[in-house]
N, C-alpha and C. Protein backbone atom coordinates (compact mmCIF):
# COMPACT_ATOMS: atom_id res chain seq x y z
N MET A 1 -0.05 -12.61 4.91
CA MET A 1 0.76 -12.21 3.78
C MET A 1 2.25 -12.27 4.09
N THR A 2 2.65 -11.91 5.30
CA THR A 2 4.08 -11.84 5.60
C THR A 2 4.54 -13.06 6.36
N ASP A 3 5.82 -13.39 6.20
CA ASP A 3 6.44 -14.48 6.93
C ASP A 3 7.64 -13.95 7.70
N ALA A 4 7.63 -14.09 9.03
CA ALA A 4 8.77 -13.79 9.88
C ALA A 4 9.39 -12.43 9.60
N VAL A 5 8.57 -11.40 9.54
CA VAL A 5 9.06 -10.04 9.35
C VAL A 5 9.12 -9.37 10.72
N THR A 6 10.18 -8.61 10.94
CA THR A 6 10.30 -7.86 12.19
C THR A 6 10.54 -6.39 11.88
N ASP A 7 10.15 -5.54 12.82
CA ASP A 7 10.40 -4.11 12.65
C ASP A 7 11.79 -3.77 13.19
N ARG A 8 12.11 -2.50 13.25
CA ARG A 8 13.45 -2.08 13.69
C ARG A 8 13.75 -2.42 15.14
N THR A 9 12.71 -2.68 15.94
CA THR A 9 12.92 -3.03 17.34
C THR A 9 13.05 -4.54 17.53
N GLY A 10 12.81 -5.30 16.45
CA GLY A 10 12.84 -6.75 16.53
C GLY A 10 11.48 -7.38 16.81
N ALA A 11 10.45 -6.55 16.95
CA ALA A 11 9.09 -7.07 17.18
C ALA A 11 8.55 -7.70 15.90
N ARG A 12 7.79 -8.78 16.08
CA ARG A 12 7.17 -9.45 14.93
C ARG A 12 6.04 -8.59 14.39
N VAL A 13 5.98 -8.48 13.08
CA VAL A 13 4.90 -7.74 12.44
C VAL A 13 4.24 -8.64 11.40
N ALA A 14 2.99 -8.33 11.12
CA ALA A 14 2.26 -9.05 10.09
C ALA A 14 1.51 -8.05 9.23
N VAL A 15 1.55 -8.27 7.93
CA VAL A 15 0.83 -7.44 6.99
C VAL A 15 -0.29 -8.27 6.39
N GLY A 16 -1.46 -7.68 6.34
CA GLY A 16 -2.62 -8.34 5.75
C GLY A 16 -3.36 -7.38 4.84
N VAL A 17 -4.45 -7.85 4.30
CA VAL A 17 -5.28 -7.02 3.44
C VAL A 17 -6.69 -7.03 3.99
N GLU A 18 -7.25 -5.84 4.17
CA GLU A 18 -8.66 -5.70 4.55
C GLU A 18 -9.40 -5.24 3.31
N ARG A 19 -10.26 -6.09 2.78
CA ARG A 19 -11.04 -5.76 1.59
C ARG A 19 -12.34 -5.09 2.02
N ALA A 20 -12.66 -3.99 1.40
CA ALA A 20 -13.91 -3.28 1.66
C ALA A 20 -14.30 -2.55 0.37
N ASP A 21 -15.51 -2.11 0.33
CA ASP A 21 -15.98 -1.37 -0.83
C ASP A 21 -16.39 0.02 -0.36
N PRO A 22 -15.81 1.06 -0.82
CA PRO A 22 -14.93 1.15 -1.98
C PRO A 22 -13.44 1.19 -1.65
N VAL A 23 -13.09 1.40 -0.35
CA VAL A 23 -11.68 1.57 0.02
C VAL A 23 -11.19 0.34 0.78
N SER A 24 -10.11 -0.25 0.30
CA SER A 24 -9.47 -1.37 0.97
C SER A 24 -8.12 -0.91 1.51
N SER A 25 -7.44 -1.78 2.25
CA SER A 25 -6.13 -1.37 2.75
C SER A 25 -5.25 -2.57 3.07
N TYR A 26 -3.96 -2.33 2.91
CA TYR A 26 -2.96 -3.23 3.47
C TYR A 26 -2.83 -2.78 4.92
N THR A 27 -2.81 -3.73 5.85
CA THR A 27 -2.74 -3.38 7.27
C THR A 27 -1.50 -4.01 7.88
N ILE A 28 -1.06 -3.41 8.99
CA ILE A 28 0.10 -3.97 9.69
C ILE A 28 -0.22 -4.03 11.18
N THR A 29 0.16 -5.16 11.78
CA THR A 29 0.01 -5.36 13.22
C THR A 29 1.38 -5.69 13.80
N VAL A 30 1.53 -5.44 15.08
CA VAL A 30 2.78 -5.73 15.80
C VAL A 30 2.47 -6.72 16.91
N ASP A 31 3.25 -7.81 16.95
CA ASP A 31 3.10 -8.84 17.99
C ASP A 31 1.65 -9.29 18.17
N ASP A 32 0.98 -9.58 17.06
CA ASP A 32 -0.40 -10.09 17.07
C ASP A 32 -1.40 -9.12 17.72
N GLY A 33 -1.05 -7.86 17.80
CA GLY A 33 -1.95 -6.85 18.37
C GLY A 33 -2.90 -6.29 17.33
N PRO A 34 -3.53 -5.17 17.67
CA PRO A 34 -4.46 -4.53 16.73
C PRO A 34 -3.71 -3.88 15.57
N VAL A 35 -4.45 -3.49 14.55
CA VAL A 35 -3.87 -2.79 13.40
C VAL A 35 -3.30 -1.46 13.87
N VAL A 36 -2.03 -1.21 13.50
CA VAL A 36 -1.37 0.05 13.88
C VAL A 36 -0.97 0.88 12.67
N GLY A 37 -1.24 0.38 11.49
CA GLY A 37 -0.93 1.13 10.28
C GLY A 37 -1.66 0.55 9.09
N ARG A 38 -1.82 1.40 8.07
CA ARG A 38 -2.49 0.95 6.87
C ARG A 38 -2.06 1.77 5.66
N ALA A 39 -2.09 1.10 4.52
CA ALA A 39 -1.89 1.75 3.22
C ALA A 39 -3.19 1.56 2.46
N GLU A 40 -3.94 2.65 2.30
CA GLU A 40 -5.27 2.56 1.70
C GLU A 40 -5.18 2.61 0.18
N PHE A 41 -6.09 1.86 -0.44
CA PHE A 41 -6.12 1.79 -1.90
C PHE A 41 -7.53 1.54 -2.40
N ILE A 42 -7.70 1.84 -3.68
CA ILE A 42 -8.89 1.41 -4.40
C ILE A 42 -8.41 0.66 -5.63
N ASP A 43 -9.15 -0.34 -6.00
CA ASP A 43 -8.88 -0.98 -7.28
C ASP A 43 -9.52 -0.09 -8.34
N HIS A 44 -8.79 0.14 -9.40
CA HIS A 44 -9.25 1.09 -10.42
C HIS A 44 -10.65 0.72 -10.88
N PRO A 45 -11.55 1.71 -10.92
CA PRO A 45 -12.93 1.40 -11.27
C PRO A 45 -13.15 0.97 -12.72
N LYS A 46 -12.18 1.24 -13.59
CA LYS A 46 -12.39 0.93 -15.01
C LYS A 46 -11.53 -0.22 -15.52
N THR A 47 -10.65 -0.75 -14.69
CA THR A 47 -9.81 -1.87 -15.11
C THR A 47 -9.54 -2.77 -13.91
N GLU A 48 -9.38 -4.03 -14.13
CA GLU A 48 -9.18 -4.97 -13.03
C GLU A 48 -7.73 -5.11 -12.61
N ASP A 49 -6.81 -4.54 -13.37
CA ASP A 49 -5.40 -4.80 -13.09
C ASP A 49 -4.61 -3.56 -12.65
N GLU A 50 -5.31 -2.58 -12.08
CA GLU A 50 -4.63 -1.39 -11.55
C GLU A 50 -5.12 -1.10 -10.15
N ARG A 51 -4.20 -0.75 -9.27
CA ARG A 51 -4.51 -0.44 -7.88
C ARG A 51 -3.97 0.95 -7.58
N ILE A 52 -4.86 1.84 -7.16
CA ILE A 52 -4.48 3.21 -6.81
C ILE A 52 -4.24 3.26 -5.30
N ILE A 53 -2.99 3.42 -4.90
CA ILE A 53 -2.65 3.53 -3.48
C ILE A 53 -2.56 5.02 -3.16
N PHE A 54 -3.40 5.47 -2.21
CA PHE A 54 -3.53 6.91 -2.03
C PHE A 54 -3.20 7.43 -0.64
N HIS A 55 -3.06 6.57 0.36
CA HIS A 55 -2.77 7.09 1.71
C HIS A 55 -2.13 6.01 2.55
N THR A 56 -1.02 6.36 3.21
CA THR A 56 -0.36 5.45 4.14
C THR A 56 -0.20 6.16 5.48
N GLU A 57 -0.54 5.44 6.54
CA GLU A 57 -0.49 6.04 7.87
C GLU A 57 -0.12 4.98 8.90
N VAL A 58 0.73 5.36 9.86
CA VAL A 58 1.10 4.49 10.98
C VAL A 58 0.85 5.26 12.26
N ASP A 59 0.26 4.59 13.25
CA ASP A 59 -0.02 5.18 14.55
C ASP A 59 1.26 5.82 15.10
N GLN A 60 1.15 7.03 15.61
CA GLN A 60 2.32 7.76 16.13
C GLN A 60 3.06 6.99 17.22
N ASP A 61 2.35 6.19 17.99
CA ASP A 61 3.01 5.42 19.05
C ASP A 61 3.98 4.38 18.48
N PHE A 62 3.89 4.11 17.17
CA PHE A 62 4.74 3.11 16.53
C PHE A 62 5.66 3.73 15.48
N SER A 63 5.79 5.05 15.49
CA SER A 63 6.64 5.70 14.49
C SER A 63 8.11 5.39 14.74
N GLY A 64 8.89 5.45 13.67
CA GLY A 64 10.33 5.21 13.76
C GLY A 64 10.72 3.74 13.76
N ARG A 65 9.75 2.86 13.57
CA ARG A 65 10.03 1.42 13.62
C ARG A 65 10.09 0.79 12.22
N GLY A 66 9.92 1.61 11.19
CA GLY A 66 9.99 1.10 9.83
C GLY A 66 8.73 0.43 9.34
N LEU A 67 7.61 0.67 10.01
CA LEU A 67 6.36 0.00 9.63
C LEU A 67 5.82 0.48 8.28
N ALA A 68 5.94 1.77 8.00
CA ALA A 68 5.47 2.27 6.70
C ALA A 68 6.27 1.63 5.57
N LYS A 69 7.56 1.47 5.77
CA LYS A 69 8.40 0.83 4.75
C LYS A 69 7.99 -0.62 4.54
N ILE A 70 7.69 -1.32 5.64
CA ILE A 70 7.25 -2.71 5.52
C ILE A 70 5.93 -2.78 4.76
N LEU A 71 4.99 -1.88 5.08
CA LEU A 71 3.72 -1.84 4.34
C LEU A 71 3.97 -1.62 2.85
N LEU A 72 4.81 -0.65 2.54
CA LEU A 72 5.13 -0.34 1.15
C LEU A 72 5.72 -1.56 0.45
N GLU A 73 6.71 -2.18 1.06
CA GLU A 73 7.36 -3.32 0.42
C GLU A 73 6.40 -4.49 0.22
N GLU A 74 5.54 -4.75 1.19
CA GLU A 74 4.58 -5.85 1.06
C GLU A 74 3.52 -5.54 0.01
N ALA A 75 3.07 -4.29 -0.05
CA ALA A 75 2.08 -3.91 -1.07
C ALA A 75 2.68 -4.06 -2.48
N LEU A 76 3.92 -3.64 -2.65
CA LEU A 76 4.55 -3.76 -3.96
C LEU A 76 4.80 -5.23 -4.31
N ALA A 77 5.22 -6.03 -3.34
CA ALA A 77 5.42 -7.46 -3.59
C ALA A 77 4.10 -8.13 -3.96
N ASP A 78 3.02 -7.75 -3.29
CA ASP A 78 1.70 -8.30 -3.60
C ASP A 78 1.28 -7.93 -5.02
N SER A 79 1.58 -6.71 -5.43
CA SER A 79 1.21 -6.30 -6.79
C SER A 79 1.96 -7.11 -7.84
N ILE A 80 3.21 -7.46 -7.55
CA ILE A 80 3.97 -8.31 -8.48
C ILE A 80 3.33 -9.69 -8.55
N ARG A 81 3.02 -10.27 -7.39
CA ARG A 81 2.41 -11.61 -7.36
C ARG A 81 1.08 -11.64 -8.12
N ARG A 82 0.31 -10.58 -8.02
CA ARG A 82 -1.02 -10.54 -8.62
C ARG A 82 -1.05 -9.95 -10.04
N GLY A 83 0.08 -9.43 -10.50
CA GLY A 83 0.12 -8.82 -11.83
C GLY A 83 -0.68 -7.53 -11.90
N ILE A 84 -0.63 -6.74 -10.82
CA ILE A 84 -1.38 -5.49 -10.72
C ILE A 84 -0.44 -4.31 -10.91
N THR A 85 -0.87 -3.35 -11.72
CA THR A 85 -0.12 -2.11 -11.91
C THR A 85 -0.44 -1.16 -10.76
N ILE A 86 0.59 -0.60 -10.15
CA ILE A 86 0.43 0.36 -9.06
C ILE A 86 0.32 1.77 -9.62
N VAL A 87 -0.64 2.51 -9.09
CA VAL A 87 -0.80 3.93 -9.41
C VAL A 87 -0.56 4.67 -8.10
N PRO A 88 0.64 5.26 -7.93
CA PRO A 88 1.04 5.81 -6.63
C PRO A 88 0.58 7.26 -6.40
N VAL A 89 -0.61 7.42 -5.85
CA VAL A 89 -1.08 8.74 -5.46
C VAL A 89 -0.48 9.12 -4.10
N CYS A 90 -0.30 8.14 -3.23
CA CYS A 90 0.32 8.36 -1.92
C CYS A 90 1.75 8.86 -2.12
N PRO A 91 2.12 9.96 -1.47
CA PRO A 91 3.48 10.49 -1.63
C PRO A 91 4.58 9.49 -1.27
N LEU A 92 4.37 8.67 -0.24
CA LEU A 92 5.37 7.67 0.15
C LEU A 92 5.65 6.71 -1.01
N PHE A 93 4.61 6.19 -1.62
CA PHE A 93 4.76 5.28 -2.75
C PHE A 93 5.33 6.01 -3.96
N GLY A 94 4.88 7.24 -4.19
CA GLY A 94 5.39 8.01 -5.32
C GLY A 94 6.89 8.26 -5.22
N ARG A 95 7.35 8.67 -4.03
CA ARG A 95 8.79 8.91 -3.84
C ARG A 95 9.59 7.63 -4.01
N HIS A 96 9.08 6.54 -3.43
CA HIS A 96 9.80 5.27 -3.52
C HIS A 96 9.93 4.84 -4.98
N LEU A 97 8.85 4.92 -5.73
CA LEU A 97 8.91 4.47 -7.13
C LEU A 97 9.70 5.43 -8.01
N ALA A 98 9.73 6.71 -7.65
CA ALA A 98 10.58 7.65 -8.39
C ALA A 98 12.05 7.27 -8.23
N ARG A 99 12.42 6.81 -7.03
CA ARG A 99 13.81 6.44 -6.75
C ARG A 99 14.15 5.01 -7.17
N HIS A 100 13.20 4.09 -6.98
CA HIS A 100 13.48 2.67 -7.15
C HIS A 100 12.58 1.98 -8.17
N GLY A 101 11.95 2.77 -9.02
CA GLY A 101 11.02 2.21 -10.00
C GLY A 101 11.66 1.22 -10.95
N ASP A 102 12.90 1.48 -11.36
CA ASP A 102 13.59 0.55 -12.27
C ASP A 102 13.78 -0.81 -11.61
N GLU A 103 14.13 -0.82 -10.33
CA GLU A 103 14.30 -2.08 -9.60
C GLU A 103 12.97 -2.81 -9.48
N PHE A 104 11.90 -2.06 -9.21
CA PHE A 104 10.57 -2.64 -9.08
C PHE A 104 10.14 -3.28 -10.40
N VAL A 105 10.35 -2.59 -11.48
CA VAL A 105 9.99 -3.12 -12.80
C VAL A 105 10.86 -4.34 -13.13
N ALA A 106 12.13 -4.27 -12.82
CA ALA A 106 13.03 -5.41 -13.08
C ALA A 106 12.61 -6.65 -12.29
N ALA A 107 11.97 -6.45 -11.13
CA ALA A 107 11.50 -7.57 -10.31
C ALA A 107 10.14 -8.09 -10.79
N GLY A 108 9.59 -7.46 -11.83
CA GLY A 108 8.31 -7.92 -12.38
C GLY A 108 7.15 -7.00 -12.10
N GLY A 109 7.40 -5.87 -11.45
CA GLY A 109 6.33 -4.94 -11.12
C GLY A 109 6.02 -3.98 -12.26
N ALA A 110 4.90 -3.29 -12.10
CA ALA A 110 4.49 -2.28 -13.08
C ALA A 110 3.85 -1.12 -12.31
N PHE A 111 4.11 0.08 -12.77
CA PHE A 111 3.47 1.26 -12.19
C PHE A 111 3.34 2.32 -13.26
N ARG A 112 2.46 3.27 -13.01
CA ARG A 112 2.29 4.39 -13.93
C ARG A 112 1.99 5.65 -13.14
N THR A 113 2.18 6.77 -13.78
CA THR A 113 1.92 8.07 -13.16
C THR A 113 0.42 8.28 -13.00
N PRO A 114 -0.01 8.79 -11.85
CA PRO A 114 -1.43 9.06 -11.65
C PRO A 114 -1.94 10.16 -12.59
N THR A 115 -3.20 10.07 -12.95
CA THR A 115 -3.86 11.07 -13.79
C THR A 115 -4.92 11.79 -12.96
N ARG A 116 -5.49 12.83 -13.55
CA ARG A 116 -6.60 13.52 -12.88
C ARG A 116 -7.77 12.57 -12.66
N ALA A 117 -8.00 11.69 -13.61
CA ALA A 117 -9.09 10.72 -13.46
C ALA A 117 -8.84 9.81 -12.26
N ASP A 118 -7.59 9.43 -12.01
CA ASP A 118 -7.27 8.61 -10.84
C ASP A 118 -7.58 9.38 -9.55
N LEU A 119 -7.19 10.64 -9.50
CA LEU A 119 -7.47 11.47 -8.32
C LEU A 119 -8.97 11.63 -8.10
N SER A 120 -9.70 11.79 -9.19
CA SER A 120 -11.16 11.89 -9.09
C SER A 120 -11.76 10.60 -8.57
N ALA A 121 -11.24 9.46 -9.02
CA ALA A 121 -11.75 8.16 -8.56
C ALA A 121 -11.51 8.00 -7.06
N VAL A 122 -10.34 8.43 -6.58
CA VAL A 122 -10.05 8.36 -5.15
C VAL A 122 -10.99 9.27 -4.37
N THR A 123 -11.16 10.49 -4.83
CA THR A 123 -12.06 11.44 -4.16
C THR A 123 -13.46 10.88 -4.06
N LEU A 124 -13.96 10.34 -5.13
CA LEU A 124 -15.29 9.75 -5.15
C LEU A 124 -15.41 8.58 -4.18
N ALA A 125 -14.40 7.72 -4.18
CA ALA A 125 -14.41 6.55 -3.29
C ALA A 125 -14.39 6.96 -1.83
N VAL A 126 -13.57 7.94 -1.50
CA VAL A 126 -13.46 8.39 -0.11
C VAL A 126 -14.77 9.03 0.35
N ARG A 127 -15.42 9.75 -0.53
CA ARG A 127 -16.71 10.37 -0.19
C ARG A 127 -17.77 9.33 0.09
N HIS A 128 -17.70 8.20 -0.58
CA HIS A 128 -18.71 7.16 -0.43
C HIS A 128 -18.31 6.07 0.55
N ARG A 129 -17.29 6.33 1.31
CA ARG A 129 -16.86 5.37 2.34
C ARG A 129 -17.90 5.35 3.46
N PRO A 130 -18.25 4.15 3.92
CA PRO A 130 -19.26 4.08 5.00
C PRO A 130 -18.77 4.69 6.29
């Protein structure tokens, strides 16, 4: 997914997508190593064009390098490319879109406020994770 992206230390990073049922994630690796961070999501169970992003985490050994921001930016860019509306349950995504939502929409993105039904869908998906 990413081309020539580096973290704050100058290390090469790559963002990919791991598809699984019911929970998928955007993943990030450093210098072709193992996955060190992920932004977990479910595709909305009742519509094909909404993605509920509910949890972002980066390994503590890699904190302070801007990896969560890179995950966020790549996930939002991917949603624009795919025409997917983001439903930000994850606090990181929620804060970012509260501050920069107008810019995201101007770039072609779409997002909406999470509902109780969205939270229930996430809870159900997490419970049924293998």
